[in-house]
Amino acid sequence: MHITVENLSPQLLTNVVVQWGVVKKSVARDSTTKPVVFGTNETVTLKPLDVKSIETAPVEVEGRIDQSTGRGSGDIIRGHAVQVLVGTNVIAEEFFPATLKISFKELQPVPKPLPPIQQ
């Protein structure tokens, strides 16, 4: 994801925390596994009228659908969430889809991508 944070005030903002998460879920039809939220918190300082951009680490998924049975296996990205806090106050947030409300306390570290297979 690409997250842009702006300070539209004339005051310096320190310790602005940007929390982000990507929700990954198993696509197996009989799966009862709980979705997993991968992400982290990043802290920025914003000068008056400053703009900062954050590029998040990629969250990879792999899955496939068996054409003969229509059953899926693997994972899908279910959605994403971003919250911006100043101190303990949430000043902005986005959940997509809007019905997705995640707990940022359950963030898992983003797994490192697997290296390409050498042939």
C-alpha atoms as a PDB file:
ATOM      1  CA  MET A   1       0.000   0.000   0.000  1.00  0.00           C
ATOM      2  CA  HIS A   2       0.971   3.591  -0.429  1.00  0.00           C
ATOM      3  CA  ILE A   3      -0.103   5.728   2.551  1.00  0.00           C
ATOM      4  CA  THR A   4       0.063   9.526   2.502  1.00  0.00           C
ATOM      5  CA  VAL A   5      -0.098  11.452   5.783  1.00  0.00           C
ATOM      6  CA  GLU A   6      -0.511  15.253   5.793  1.00  0.00           C
ATOM      7  CA  ASN A   7      -0.250  17.850   8.536  1.00  0.00           C
ATOM      8  CA  LEU A   8      -2.672  20.611   7.580  1.00  0.00           C
ATOM      9  CA  SER A   9      -2.073  22.539  10.794  1.00  0.00           C
ATOM     10  CA  PRO A  10       0.520  25.250  11.504  1.00  0.00           C
ATOM     11  CA  GLN A  11       1.910  23.160  14.407  1.00  0.00           C
ATOM     12  CA  LEU A  12       4.681  20.564  14.520  1.00  0.00           C
ATOM     13  CA  LEU A  13       3.256  17.069  15.127  1.00  0.00           C
ATOM     14  CA  THR A  14       5.619  14.590  16.765  1.00  0.00           C
ATOM     15  CA  ASN A  15       5.095  10.884  17.408  1.00  0.00           C
ATOM     16  CA  VAL A  16       2.356  10.487  14.814  1.00  0.00           C
ATOM     17  CA  VAL A  17       1.689   6.741  14.660  1.00  0.00           C
ATOM     18  CA  VAL A  18       0.516   5.184  11.404  1.00  0.00           C
ATOM     19  CA  GLN A  19      -0.828   1.651  11.943  1.00  0.00           C
ATOM     20  CA  TRP A  20      -1.522  -0.444   8.889  1.00  0.00           C
ATOM     21  CA  GLY A  21      -2.627  -4.005   8.316  1.00  0.00           C
ATOM     22  CA  VAL A  22      -3.505  -6.329   5.452  1.00  0.00           C
ATOM     23  CA  VAL A  23      -5.993  -9.099   6.187  1.00  0.00           C
ATOM     24  CA  LYS A  24      -5.222 -12.506   4.684  1.00  0.00           C
ATOM     25  CA  LYS A  25      -7.692 -15.414   4.800  1.00  0.00           C
ATOM     26  CA  SER A  26      -7.722 -19.022   3.642  1.00  0.00           C
ATOM     27  CA  VAL A  27      -9.986 -19.689   0.640  1.00  0.00           C
ATOM     28  CA  ALA A  28     -10.551 -23.366   1.366  1.00  0.00           C
ATOM     29  CA  ARG A  29     -14.308 -23.977   1.397  1.00  0.00           C
ATOM     30  CA  ASP A  30     -14.162 -25.915   4.662  1.00  0.00           C
ATOM     31  CA  SER A  31     -11.699 -23.547   6.316  1.00  0.00           C
ATOM     32  CA  THR A  32     -12.651 -22.218   9.720  1.00  0.00           C
ATOM     33  CA  THR A  33      -9.327 -20.505  10.242  1.00  0.00           C
ATOM     34  CA  LYS A  34      -9.459 -16.961  11.505  1.00  0.00           C
ATOM     35  CA  PRO A  35      -8.126 -14.271   9.153  1.00  0.00           C
ATOM     36  CA  VAL A  36      -4.583 -13.112   9.947  1.00  0.00           C
ATOM     37  CA  VAL A  37      -3.637  -9.419   9.964  1.00  0.00           C
ATOM     38  CA  PHE A  38      -0.121  -8.631   8.767  1.00  0.00           C
ATOM     39  CA  GLY A  39       1.264  -5.140   9.281  1.00  0.00           C
ATOM     40  CA  THR A  40       3.092  -2.794  11.594  1.00  0.00           C
ATOM     41  CA  ASN A  41       3.171   0.619  13.238  1.00  0.00           C
ATOM     42  CA  GLU A  42       5.344   3.412  11.917  1.00  0.00           C
ATOM     43  CA  THR A  43       6.066   6.679  13.709  1.00  0.00           C
ATOM     44  CA  VAL A  44       6.590   9.948  11.829  1.00  0.00           C
ATOM     45  CA  THR A  45       7.114  13.605  12.656  1.00  0.00           C
ATOM     46  CA  LEU A  46       5.261  16.141  10.530  1.00  0.00           C
ATOM     47  CA  LYS A  47       6.282  19.782  10.203  1.00  0.00           C
ATOM     48  CA  PRO A  48       3.519  22.326   9.573  1.00  0.00           C
ATOM     49  CA  LEU A  49       1.904  21.651   6.171  1.00  0.00           C
ATOM     50  CA  ASP A  50       4.226  18.648   5.703  1.00  0.00           C
ATOM     51  CA  VAL A  51       3.395  15.515   3.689  1.00  0.00           C
ATOM     52  CA  LYS A  52       4.942  12.071   4.297  1.00  0.00           C
ATOM     53  CA  SER A  53       4.538   8.947   2.197  1.00  0.00           C
ATOM     54  CA  ILE A  54       4.823   5.420   3.516  1.00  0.00           C
ATOM     55  CA  GLU A  55       5.296   2.400   1.250  1.00  0.00           C
ATOM     56  CA  THR A  56       4.258  -0.706   3.133  1.00  0.00           C
ATOM     57  CA  ALA A  57       5.987  -4.044   2.853  1.00  0.00           C
ATOM     58  CA  PRO A  58       4.264  -6.381   0.377  1.00  0.00           C
ATOM     59  CA  VAL A  59       1.977  -9.105   1.735  1.00  0.00           C
ATOM     60  CA  GLU A  60       2.058 -12.050  -0.655  1.00  0.00           C
ATOM     61  CA  VAL A  61      -0.663 -14.634  -1.216  1.00  0.00           C
ATOM     62  CA  GLU A  62      -0.787 -17.798  -3.217  1.00  0.00           C
ATOM     63  CA  GLY A  63      -3.839 -19.786  -4.159  1.00  0.00           C
ATOM     64  CA  ARG A  64      -5.588 -21.642  -6.932  1.00  0.00           C
ATOM     65  CA  ILE A  65      -8.987 -22.985  -7.898  1.00  0.00           C
ATOM     66  CA  ASP A  66      -9.414 -26.570  -9.042  1.00  0.00           C
ATOM     67  CA  GLN A  67     -11.283 -26.230 -12.363  1.00  0.00           C
ATOM     68  CA  SER A  68     -12.981 -29.630 -12.030  1.00  0.00           C
ATOM     69  CA  THR A  69     -14.396 -29.117  -8.525  1.00  0.00           C
ATOM     70  CA  GLY A  70     -14.436 -25.329  -8.195  1.00  0.00           C
ATOM     71  CA  ARG A  71     -12.719 -25.632  -4.817  1.00  0.00           C
ATOM     72  CA  GLY A  72     -10.065 -23.167  -3.843  1.00  0.00           C
ATOM     73  CA  SER A  73      -6.912 -23.566  -1.864  1.00  0.00           C
ATOM     74  CA  GLY A  74      -4.423 -21.067  -0.564  1.00  0.00           C
ATOM     75  CA  ASP A  75      -5.054 -17.530   0.642  1.00  0.00           C
ATOM     76  CA  ILE A  76      -6.653 -14.281  -0.493  1.00  0.00           C
ATOM     77  CA  ILE A  77      -6.313 -10.681   0.602  1.00  0.00           C
ATOM     78  CA  ARG A  78      -9.569  -9.925   2.412  1.00  0.00           C
ATOM     79  CA  GLY A  79      -8.968  -6.210   2.967  1.00  0.00           C
ATOM     80  CA  HIS A  80      -6.805  -3.573   4.573  1.00  0.00           C
ATOM     81  CA  ALA A  81      -6.898  -1.039   7.361  1.00  0.00           C
ATOM     82  CA  VAL A  82      -5.020   2.134   8.280  1.00  0.00           C
ATOM     83  CA  GLN A  83      -5.232   4.248  11.431  1.00  0.00           C
ATOM     84  CA  VAL A  84      -3.398   7.481  12.207  1.00  0.00           C
ATOM     85  CA  LEU A  85      -2.963   8.421  15.858  1.00  0.00           C
ATOM     86  CA  VAL A  86      -1.614  11.490  17.594  1.00  0.00           C
ATOM     87  CA  GLY A  87      -0.989  10.419  21.154  1.00  0.00           C
ATOM     88  CA  THR A  88      -3.884   8.094  21.966  1.00  0.00           C
ATOM     89  CA  ASN A  89      -6.363   9.924  19.706  1.00  0.00           C
ATOM     90  CA  VAL A  90      -7.330   8.307  16.402  1.00  0.00           C
ATOM     91  CA  ILE A  91      -7.413  11.227  13.962  1.00  0.00           C
ATOM     92  CA  ALA A  92      -8.031   9.261  10.756  1.00  0.00           C
ATOM     93  CA  GLU A  93      -8.816   5.694   9.772  1.00  0.00           C
ATOM     94  CA  GLU A  94      -9.821   3.639   6.773  1.00  0.00           C
ATOM     95  CA  PHE A  95     -11.105   0.080   6.689  1.00  0.00           C
ATOM     96  CA  PHE A  96     -11.660  -1.623   3.340  1.00  0.00           C
ATOM     97  CA  PRO A  97     -14.147  -3.051   2.988  1.00  0.00           C
ATOM     98  CA  ALA A  98     -15.924  -0.745   5.428  1.00  0.00           C
ATOM     99  CA  THR A  99     -17.406  -3.753   7.249  1.00  0.00           C
ATOM    100  CA  LEU A 100     -13.888  -4.914   8.110  1.00  0.00           C
ATOM    101  CA  LYS A 101     -12.960  -3.756  11.593  1.00  0.00           C
ATOM    102  CA  ILE A 102      -9.656  -5.235  12.713  1.00  0.00           C
ATOM    103  CA  SER A 103      -7.808  -5.090  15.983  1.00  0.00           C
ATOM    104  CA  PHE A 104      -4.393  -3.523  15.525  1.00  0.00           C
ATOM    105  CA  LYS A 105      -3.347  -5.376  18.676  1.00  0.00           C
ATOM    106  CA  GLU A 106      -3.340  -8.594  16.618  1.00  0.00           C
ATOM    107  CA  LEU A 107      -0.838  -7.440  13.968  1.00  0.00           C
ATOM    108  CA  GLN A 108       1.587 -10.123  12.820  1.00  0.00           C
ATOM    109  CA  PRO A 109       4.938  -9.197  11.250  1.00  0.00           C
ATOM    110  CA  VAL A 110       4.891  -9.212   7.455  1.00  0.00           C
ATOM    111  CA  PRO A 111       6.592 -12.427   6.272  1.00  0.00           C
ATOM    112  CA  LYS A 112       9.687 -11.983   4.143  1.00  0.00           C
ATOM    113  CA  PRO A 113       9.053 -12.910   0.490  1.00  0.00           C
ATOM    114  CA  LEU A 114      10.410 -16.273  -0.557  1.00  0.00           C
ATOM    115  CA  PRO A 115      13.390 -16.113  -2.909  1.00  0.00           C
ATOM    116  CA  PRO A 116      12.710 -17.184  -6.497  1.00  0.00           C
ATOM    117  CA  ILE A 117      13.272 -20.848  -7.269  1.00  0.00           C
ATOM    118  CA  GLN A 118      16.538 -21.386  -9.132  1.00  0.00           C
ATOM    119  CA  GLN A 119      16.327 -23.805 -12.012  1.00  0.00           C
END
